[in-house]
Amino acid sequence: MKIIAQVAAALPRFNFPSNFVIISPIVSNNRKVVAIVGMAGSGKTEVARAFEKNSFIRVRFGDVTDQEIMRRGLVLNEENERRIRELLRKEHGMAAYARLNRPRIDAARQKSDVVVDGLYSWEEYTFLKDYYGENFTIIAVWASPETRYTRLSSRAERPLTQNEAASRDRTELENTNKGGPIAMADYTIINESSLSDLEAQTNKLLARLQ
């Protein structure tokens, strides 16, 4: 103790002015990260777009798949999308899309709140929840298989037959642990009606979050 006291006495003393303020170099970022989850055809993208219209920056997880498909010179279709998703998860683990997209989320979050479109697996959910903590919110969009398959068969881009849609459901639930994030959602939107009803529900939820 005597030695410590002698060292302390030898240290230079600084007399700061009374109005001197020490500013921490670490600035807290409390901006939200909201992930929209649900099965194919449930209406996730429409909800994400509504958030985007309300000043959220949208980060679409599927962009990573599309970029990899184009990099390999493949045709952008359901079969190649599934193949690339499986390859990326084999290489980076089941949290692959969260890991690969987190830099994009962090960059966007420096400017505004962020909405994530396309979170799939339980591992992606836990990866982002552990990282963003209380600033991370899950919204599930639910619609019955019958409703979703009808929508998927009539969409303009990459339509799916009922068999293709059912096969995709099964693959996602069995191979990507997709049910977990839906079950753990902080909020759920039921999308069995019209687009205007979906927009009304989403706007009500937006007002609650803001």
C-alpha atoms as a PDB file:
ATOM      1  CA  MET A   1       0.000   0.000   0.000  1.00  0.00           C
ATOM      2  CA  LYS A   2       2.905   2.374   0.836  1.00  0.00           C
ATOM      3  CA  ILE A   3       4.435   1.797  -2.614  1.00  0.00           C
ATOM      4  CA  ILE A   4       1.079   2.466  -4.339  1.00  0.00           C
ATOM      5  CA  ALA A   5       0.705   5.723  -2.380  1.00  0.00           C
ATOM      6  CA  GLN A   6       4.196   6.815  -3.427  1.00  0.00           C
ATOM      7  CA  VAL A   7       3.461   6.071  -7.105  1.00  0.00           C
ATOM      8  CA  ALA A   8       0.171   7.954  -6.922  1.00  0.00           C
ATOM      9  CA  ALA A   9       1.881  10.967  -5.352  1.00  0.00           C
ATOM     10  CA  ALA A  10       4.427  11.016  -8.179  1.00  0.00           C
ATOM     11  CA  LEU A  11       1.803  11.158 -10.924  1.00  0.00           C
ATOM     12  CA  PRO A  12       1.197  14.580 -12.529  1.00  0.00           C
ATOM     13  CA  ARG A  13      -1.946  16.414 -11.425  1.00  0.00           C
ATOM     14  CA  PHE A  14      -4.221  18.106 -13.928  1.00  0.00           C
ATOM     15  CA  ASN A  15      -6.433  21.045 -13.044  1.00  0.00           C
ATOM     16  CA  PHE A  16      -9.392  20.949 -15.422  1.00  0.00           C
ATOM     17  CA  PRO A  17     -11.590  24.050 -15.848  1.00  0.00           C
ATOM     18  CA  SER A  18     -14.947  23.839 -14.079  1.00  0.00           C
ATOM     19  CA  ASN A  19     -16.863  23.660 -17.384  1.00  0.00           C
ATOM     20  CA  PHE A  20     -14.676  20.851 -18.785  1.00  0.00           C
ATOM     21  CA  VAL A  21     -16.749  17.835 -20.010  1.00  0.00           C
ATOM     22  CA  ILE A  22     -15.335  14.415 -20.822  1.00  0.00           C
ATOM     23  CA  ILE A  23     -17.172  12.911 -23.801  1.00  0.00           C
ATOM     24  CA  SER A  24     -17.191   9.140 -24.166  1.00  0.00           C
ATOM     25  CA  PRO A  25     -16.018   7.969 -27.608  1.00  0.00           C
ATOM     26  CA  ILE A  26     -18.692   5.247 -27.543  1.00  0.00           C
ATOM     27  CA  VAL A  27     -22.062   6.532 -28.687  1.00  0.00           C
ATOM     28  CA  SER A  28     -25.097   4.394 -27.874  1.00  0.00           C
ATOM     29  CA  ASN A  29     -27.277   3.456 -30.847  1.00  0.00           C
ATOM     30  CA  ASN A  30     -30.846   2.786 -29.792  1.00  0.00           C
ATOM     31  CA  ARG A  31     -32.285   2.594 -33.291  1.00  0.00           C
ATOM     32  CA  LYS A  32     -34.630  -0.331 -33.863  1.00  0.00           C
ATOM     33  CA  VAL A  33     -34.054  -3.465 -35.920  1.00  0.00           C
ATOM     34  CA  VAL A  34     -37.419  -5.004 -36.827  1.00  0.00           C
ATOM     35  CA  ALA A  35     -37.426  -8.408 -38.562  1.00  0.00           C
ATOM     36  CA  ILE A  36     -40.477  -9.541 -40.528  1.00  0.00           C
ATOM     37  CA  VAL A  37     -40.967 -13.331 -40.490  1.00  0.00           C
ATOM     38  CA  GLY A  38     -43.515 -15.719 -41.964  1.00  0.00           C
ATOM     39  CA  MET A  39     -44.009 -18.451 -44.536  1.00  0.00           C
ATOM     40  CA  ALA A  40     -43.769 -17.796 -48.286  1.00  0.00           C
ATOM     41  CA  GLY A  41     -46.778 -15.859 -49.543  1.00  0.00           C
ATOM     42  CA  SER A  42     -47.820 -14.609 -46.106  1.00  0.00           C
ATOM     43  CA  GLY A  43     -47.249 -10.939 -47.006  1.00  0.00           C
ATOM     44  CA  LYS A  44     -43.871 -10.277 -45.389  1.00  0.00           C
ATOM     45  CA  THR A  45     -42.597  -8.106 -48.222  1.00  0.00           C
ATOM     46  CA  GLU A  46     -45.685  -5.879 -48.183  1.00  0.00           C
ATOM     47  CA  VAL A  47     -45.259  -5.299 -44.463  1.00  0.00           C
ATOM     48  CA  ALA A  48     -41.548  -4.571 -44.917  1.00  0.00           C
ATOM     49  CA  ARG A  49     -42.387  -2.038 -47.650  1.00  0.00           C
ATOM     50  CA  ALA A  50     -44.829  -0.294 -45.316  1.00  0.00           C
ATOM     51  CA  PHE A  51     -42.040   0.074 -42.763  1.00  0.00           C
ATOM     52  CA  GLU A  52     -39.771   1.356 -45.530  1.00  0.00           C
ATOM     53  CA  LYS A  53     -42.331   4.046 -46.384  1.00  0.00           C
ATOM     54  CA  ASN A  54     -42.162   5.119 -42.728  1.00  0.00           C
ATOM     55  CA  SER A  55     -38.433   5.938 -42.780  1.00  0.00           C
ATOM     56  CA  PHE A  56     -37.113   2.457 -41.948  1.00  0.00           C
ATOM     57  CA  ILE A  57     -34.223   1.283 -44.141  1.00  0.00           C
ATOM     58  CA  ARG A  58     -35.053  -2.110 -45.613  1.00  0.00           C
ATOM     59  CA  VAL A  59     -32.437  -4.872 -45.631  1.00  0.00           C
ATOM     60  CA  ARG A  60     -33.548  -7.840 -47.716  1.00  0.00           C
ATOM     61  CA  PHE A  61     -31.744 -11.043 -46.713  1.00  0.00           C
ATOM     62  CA  GLY A  62     -32.529 -12.633 -50.078  1.00  0.00           C
ATOM     63  CA  ASP A  63     -30.262 -10.138 -51.864  1.00  0.00           C
ATOM     64  CA  VAL A  64     -27.331 -12.313 -50.762  1.00  0.00           C
ATOM     65  CA  THR A  65     -28.877 -15.311 -52.551  1.00  0.00           C
ATOM     66  CA  ASP A  66     -29.614 -13.327 -55.726  1.00  0.00           C
ATOM     67  CA  GLN A  67     -26.085 -11.911 -55.843  1.00  0.00           C
ATOM     68  CA  GLU A  68     -24.539 -15.361 -55.445  1.00  0.00           C
ATOM     69  CA  ILE A  69     -26.778 -16.799 -58.182  1.00  0.00           C
ATOM     70  CA  MET A  70     -25.744 -14.027 -60.563  1.00  0.00           C
ATOM     71  CA  ARG A  71     -22.073 -14.387 -59.581  1.00  0.00           C
ATOM     72  CA  ARG A  72     -22.230 -18.053 -60.581  1.00  0.00           C
ATOM     73  CA  GLY A  73     -24.021 -17.243 -63.845  1.00  0.00           C
ATOM     74  CA  LEU A  74     -27.105 -19.265 -62.909  1.00  0.00           C
ATOM     75  CA  VAL A  75     -30.733 -18.658 -63.804  1.00  0.00           C
ATOM     76  CA  LEU A  76     -32.719 -16.897 -61.084  1.00  0.00           C
ATOM     77  CA  ASN A  77     -35.368 -19.495 -60.228  1.00  0.00           C
ATOM     78  CA  GLU A  78     -36.749 -21.442 -57.256  1.00  0.00           C
ATOM     79  CA  GLU A  79     -34.445 -24.441 -57.754  1.00  0.00           C
ATOM     80  CA  ASN A  80     -31.254 -22.356 -57.852  1.00  0.00           C
ATOM     81  CA  GLU A  81     -32.402 -20.180 -54.953  1.00  0.00           C
ATOM     82  CA  ARG A  82     -32.860 -23.279 -52.800  1.00  0.00           C
ATOM     83  CA  ARG A  83     -29.513 -24.690 -53.886  1.00  0.00           C
ATOM     84  CA  ILE A  84     -27.612 -21.487 -53.075  1.00  0.00           C
ATOM     85  CA  ARG A  85     -29.365 -21.048 -49.725  1.00  0.00           C
ATOM     86  CA  GLU A  86     -28.293 -24.553 -48.743  1.00  0.00           C
ATOM     87  CA  LEU A  87     -24.709 -23.964 -49.919  1.00  0.00           C
ATOM     88  CA  LEU A  88     -24.383 -20.702 -47.993  1.00  0.00           C
ATOM     89  CA  ARG A  89     -25.745 -22.304 -44.823  1.00  0.00           C
ATOM     90  CA  LYS A  90     -23.377 -25.250 -45.248  1.00  0.00           C
ATOM     91  CA  GLU A  91     -20.450 -22.838 -45.537  1.00  0.00           C
ATOM     92  CA  HIS A  92     -21.438 -20.275 -42.867  1.00  0.00           C
ATOM     93  CA  GLY A  93     -23.760 -22.253 -40.579  1.00  0.00           C
ATOM     94  CA  MET A  94     -27.495 -21.911 -39.972  1.00  0.00           C
ATOM     95  CA  ALA A  95     -27.041 -18.262 -38.949  1.00  0.00           C
ATOM     96  CA  ALA A  96     -25.448 -17.570 -42.361  1.00  0.00           C
ATOM     97  CA  TYR A  97     -27.838 -14.887 -43.561  1.00  0.00           C
ATOM     98  CA  ALA A  98     -27.707 -12.996 -40.275  1.00  0.00           C
ATOM     99  CA  ARG A  99     -23.893 -13.113 -40.303  1.00  0.00           C
ATOM    100  CA  LEU A 100     -23.615 -12.062 -43.954  1.00  0.00           C
ATOM    101  CA  ASN A 101     -26.171  -9.259 -43.642  1.00  0.00           C
ATOM    102  CA  ARG A 102     -25.191  -7.839 -40.249  1.00  0.00           C
ATOM    103  CA  PRO A 103     -22.686  -5.363 -41.759  1.00  0.00           C
ATOM    104  CA  ARG A 104     -25.496  -4.042 -43.983  1.00  0.00           C
ATOM    105  CA  ILE A 105     -27.803  -3.747 -40.974  1.00  0.00           C
ATOM    106  CA  ASP A 106     -25.164  -1.928 -38.919  1.00  0.00           C
ATOM    107  CA  ALA A 107     -24.402   0.480 -41.768  1.00  0.00           C
ATOM    108  CA  ALA A 108     -28.097   1.249 -42.294  1.00  0.00           C
ATOM    109  CA  ARG A 109     -28.654   1.614 -38.554  1.00  0.00           C
ATOM    110  CA  GLN A 110     -26.214   4.508 -38.447  1.00  0.00           C
ATOM    111  CA  LYS A 111     -28.795   6.465 -40.458  1.00  0.00           C
ATOM    112  CA  SER A 112     -32.210   5.181 -39.383  1.00  0.00           C
ATOM    113  CA  ASP A 113     -34.274   2.337 -37.921  1.00  0.00           C
ATOM    114  CA  VAL A 114     -33.979  -0.878 -39.950  1.00  0.00           C
ATOM    115  CA  VAL A 115     -36.521  -3.414 -41.166  1.00  0.00           C
ATOM    116  CA  VAL A 116     -35.193  -6.884 -42.061  1.00  0.00           C
ATOM    117  CA  ASP A 117     -37.067  -8.760 -44.774  1.00  0.00           C
ATOM    118  CA  GLY A 118     -36.352 -12.495 -45.009  1.00  0.00           C
ATOM    119  CA  LEU A 119     -35.113 -13.746 -41.644  1.00  0.00           C
ATOM    120  CA  TYR A 120     -35.626 -17.517 -41.691  1.00  0.00           C
ATOM    121  CA  SER A 121     -33.910 -19.704 -39.155  1.00  0.00           C
ATOM    122  CA  TRP A 122     -33.942 -19.946 -35.373  1.00  0.00           C
ATOM    123  CA  GLU A 123     -30.158 -19.514 -35.465  1.00  0.00           C
ATOM    124  CA  GLU A 124     -30.502 -16.247 -37.398  1.00  0.00           C
ATOM    125  CA  TYR A 125     -33.008 -15.061 -34.822  1.00  0.00           C
ATOM    126  CA  THR A 126     -30.805 -15.874 -31.821  1.00  0.00           C
ATOM    127  CA  PHE A 127     -27.723 -14.399 -33.540  1.00  0.00           C
ATOM    128  CA  LEU A 128     -29.430 -11.022 -34.081  1.00  0.00           C
ATOM    129  CA  LYS A 129     -31.312 -11.081 -30.760  1.00  0.00           C
ATOM    130  CA  ASP A 130     -28.073 -11.638 -28.852  1.00  0.00           C
ATOM    131  CA  TYR A 131     -26.382  -8.862 -30.815  1.00  0.00           C
ATOM    132  CA  TYR A 132     -29.096  -6.157 -30.772  1.00  0.00           C
ATOM    133  CA  GLY A 133     -30.856  -7.118 -27.545  1.00  0.00           C
ATOM    134  CA  GLU A 134     -33.874  -4.988 -26.624  1.00  0.00           C
ATOM    135  CA  ASN A 135     -33.575  -3.036 -29.882  1.00  0.00           C
ATOM    136  CA  PHE A 136     -34.493  -6.163 -31.866  1.00  0.00           C
ATOM    137  CA  THR A 137     -38.181  -6.910 -32.547  1.00  0.00           C
ATOM    138  CA  ILE A 138     -39.848  -9.761 -34.453  1.00  0.00           C
ATOM    139  CA  ILE A 139     -43.123  -9.328 -36.343  1.00  0.00           C
ATOM    140  CA  ALA A 140     -44.757 -12.471 -37.764  1.00  0.00           C
ATOM    141  CA  VAL A 141     -47.137 -12.281 -40.723  1.00  0.00           C
ATOM    142  CA  TRP A 142     -49.489 -15.268 -40.836  1.00  0.00           C
ATOM    143  CA  ALA A 143     -51.802 -16.588 -43.556  1.00  0.00           C
ATOM    144  CA  SER A 144     -53.240 -20.057 -44.108  1.00  0.00           C
ATOM    145  CA  PRO A 145     -51.538 -22.410 -46.591  1.00  0.00           C
ATOM    146  CA  GLU A 146     -54.557 -22.198 -48.923  1.00  0.00           C
ATOM    147  CA  THR A 147     -54.378 -18.405 -49.001  1.00  0.00           C
ATOM    148  CA  ARG A 148     -50.613 -18.363 -49.421  1.00  0.00           C
ATOM    149  CA  TYR A 149     -50.566 -20.938 -52.224  1.00  0.00           C
ATOM    150  CA  THR A 150     -53.149 -18.950 -54.163  1.00  0.00           C
ATOM    151  CA  ARG A 151     -51.031 -15.822 -53.849  1.00  0.00           C
ATOM    152  CA  LEU A 152     -47.837 -17.614 -54.825  1.00  0.00           C
ATOM    153  CA  SER A 153     -49.400 -19.128 -57.942  1.00  0.00           C
ATOM    154  CA  SER A 154     -50.581 -15.726 -59.187  1.00  0.00           C
ATOM    155  CA  ARG A 155     -47.622 -13.497 -58.364  1.00  0.00           C
ATOM    156  CA  ALA A 156     -45.917 -11.805 -61.294  1.00  0.00           C
ATOM    157  CA  GLU A 157     -42.344 -12.771 -60.437  1.00  0.00           C
ATOM    158  CA  ARG A 158     -41.336 -16.401 -59.989  1.00  0.00           C
ATOM    159  CA  PRO A 159     -44.822 -17.895 -59.442  1.00  0.00           C
ATOM    160  CA  LEU A 160     -45.059 -21.297 -57.754  1.00  0.00           C
ATOM    161  CA  THR A 161     -47.477 -24.121 -58.333  1.00  0.00           C
ATOM    162  CA  GLN A 162     -49.286 -25.516 -55.306  1.00  0.00           C
ATOM    163  CA  ASN A 163     -46.937 -28.512 -55.228  1.00  0.00           C
ATOM    164  CA  GLU A 164     -43.873 -26.262 -55.430  1.00  0.00           C
ATOM    165  CA  ALA A 165     -45.216 -24.030 -52.656  1.00  0.00           C
ATOM    166  CA  ALA A 166     -46.013 -27.003 -50.415  1.00  0.00           C
ATOM    167  CA  SER A 167     -42.556 -28.459 -51.068  1.00  0.00           C
ATOM    168  CA  ARG A 168     -40.967 -25.122 -50.162  1.00  0.00           C
ATOM    169  CA  ASP A 169     -42.956 -24.977 -46.912  1.00  0.00           C
ATOM    170  CA  ARG A 170     -41.790 -28.428 -45.903  1.00  0.00           C
ATOM    171  CA  THR A 171     -38.160 -27.771 -46.801  1.00  0.00           C
ATOM    172  CA  GLU A 172     -38.066 -24.480 -44.895  1.00  0.00           C
ATOM    173  CA  LEU A 173     -39.683 -25.896 -41.780  1.00  0.00           C
ATOM    174  CA  GLU A 174     -37.589 -29.069 -41.714  1.00  0.00           C
ATOM    175  CA  ASN A 175     -34.236 -27.750 -42.933  1.00  0.00           C
ATOM    176  CA  THR A 176     -34.063 -24.121 -41.811  1.00  0.00           C
ATOM    177  CA  ASN A 177     -35.843 -24.193 -38.433  1.00  0.00           C
ATOM    178  CA  LYS A 178     -38.179 -21.497 -39.706  1.00  0.00           C
ATOM    179  CA  GLY A 179     -40.940 -22.125 -37.182  1.00  0.00           C
ATOM    180  CA  GLY A 180     -38.928 -20.854 -34.201  1.00  0.00           C
ATOM    181  CA  PRO A 181     -38.814 -17.125 -35.051  1.00  0.00           C
ATOM    182  CA  ILE A 182     -42.513 -17.188 -35.991  1.00  0.00           C
ATOM    183  CA  ALA A 183     -43.372 -18.761 -32.640  1.00  0.00           C
ATOM    184  CA  MET A 184     -41.243 -16.203 -30.767  1.00  0.00           C
ATOM    185  CA  ALA A 185     -42.650 -13.141 -32.548  1.00  0.00           C
ATOM    186  CA  ASP A 186     -43.317 -10.062 -30.432  1.00  0.00           C
ATOM    187  CA  TYR A 187     -46.298  -9.206 -32.655  1.00  0.00           C
ATOM    188  CA  THR A 188     -48.381 -11.167 -35.182  1.00  0.00           C
ATOM    189  CA  ILE A 189     -50.343  -9.810 -38.146  1.00  0.00           C
ATOM    190  CA  ILE A 190     -53.103 -12.020 -39.591  1.00  0.00           C
ATOM    191  CA  ASN A 191     -53.159 -11.517 -43.357  1.00  0.00           C
ATOM    192  CA  GLU A 192     -56.223 -13.407 -44.593  1.00  0.00           C
ATOM    193  CA  SER A 193     -58.063 -10.447 -46.078  1.00  0.00           C
ATOM    194  CA  SER A 194     -57.240  -7.587 -48.442  1.00  0.00           C
ATOM    195  CA  LEU A 195     -54.084  -5.564 -49.017  1.00  0.00           C
ATOM    196  CA  SER A 196     -55.797  -2.510 -47.517  1.00  0.00           C
ATOM    197  CA  ASP A 197     -56.530  -4.478 -44.337  1.00  0.00           C
ATOM    198  CA  LEU A 198     -52.893  -5.570 -44.167  1.00  0.00           C
ATOM    199  CA  GLU A 199     -51.769  -1.952 -44.562  1.00  0.00           C
ATOM    200  CA  ALA A 200     -54.144  -0.816 -41.816  1.00  0.00           C
ATOM    201  CA  GLN A 201     -52.850  -3.442 -39.380  1.00  0.00           C
ATOM    202  CA  THR A 202     -49.259  -2.592 -40.240  1.00  0.00           C
ATOM    203  CA  ASN A 203     -49.782   1.152 -39.785  1.00  0.00           C
ATOM    204  CA  LYS A 204     -51.384   0.533 -36.404  1.00  0.00           C
ATOM    205  CA  LEU A 205     -48.371  -1.530 -35.358  1.00  0.00           C
ATOM    206  CA  LEU A 206     -45.979   1.109 -36.687  1.00  0.00           C
ATOM    207  CA  ALA A 207     -47.654   3.734 -34.552  1.00  0.00           C
ATOM    208  CA  ARG A 208     -47.285   1.493 -31.517  1.00  0.00           C
ATOM    209  CA  LEU A 209     -43.583   0.886 -32.166  1.00  0.00           C
ATOM    210  CA  GLN A 210     -42.798   4.552 -32.747  1.00  0.00           C
END
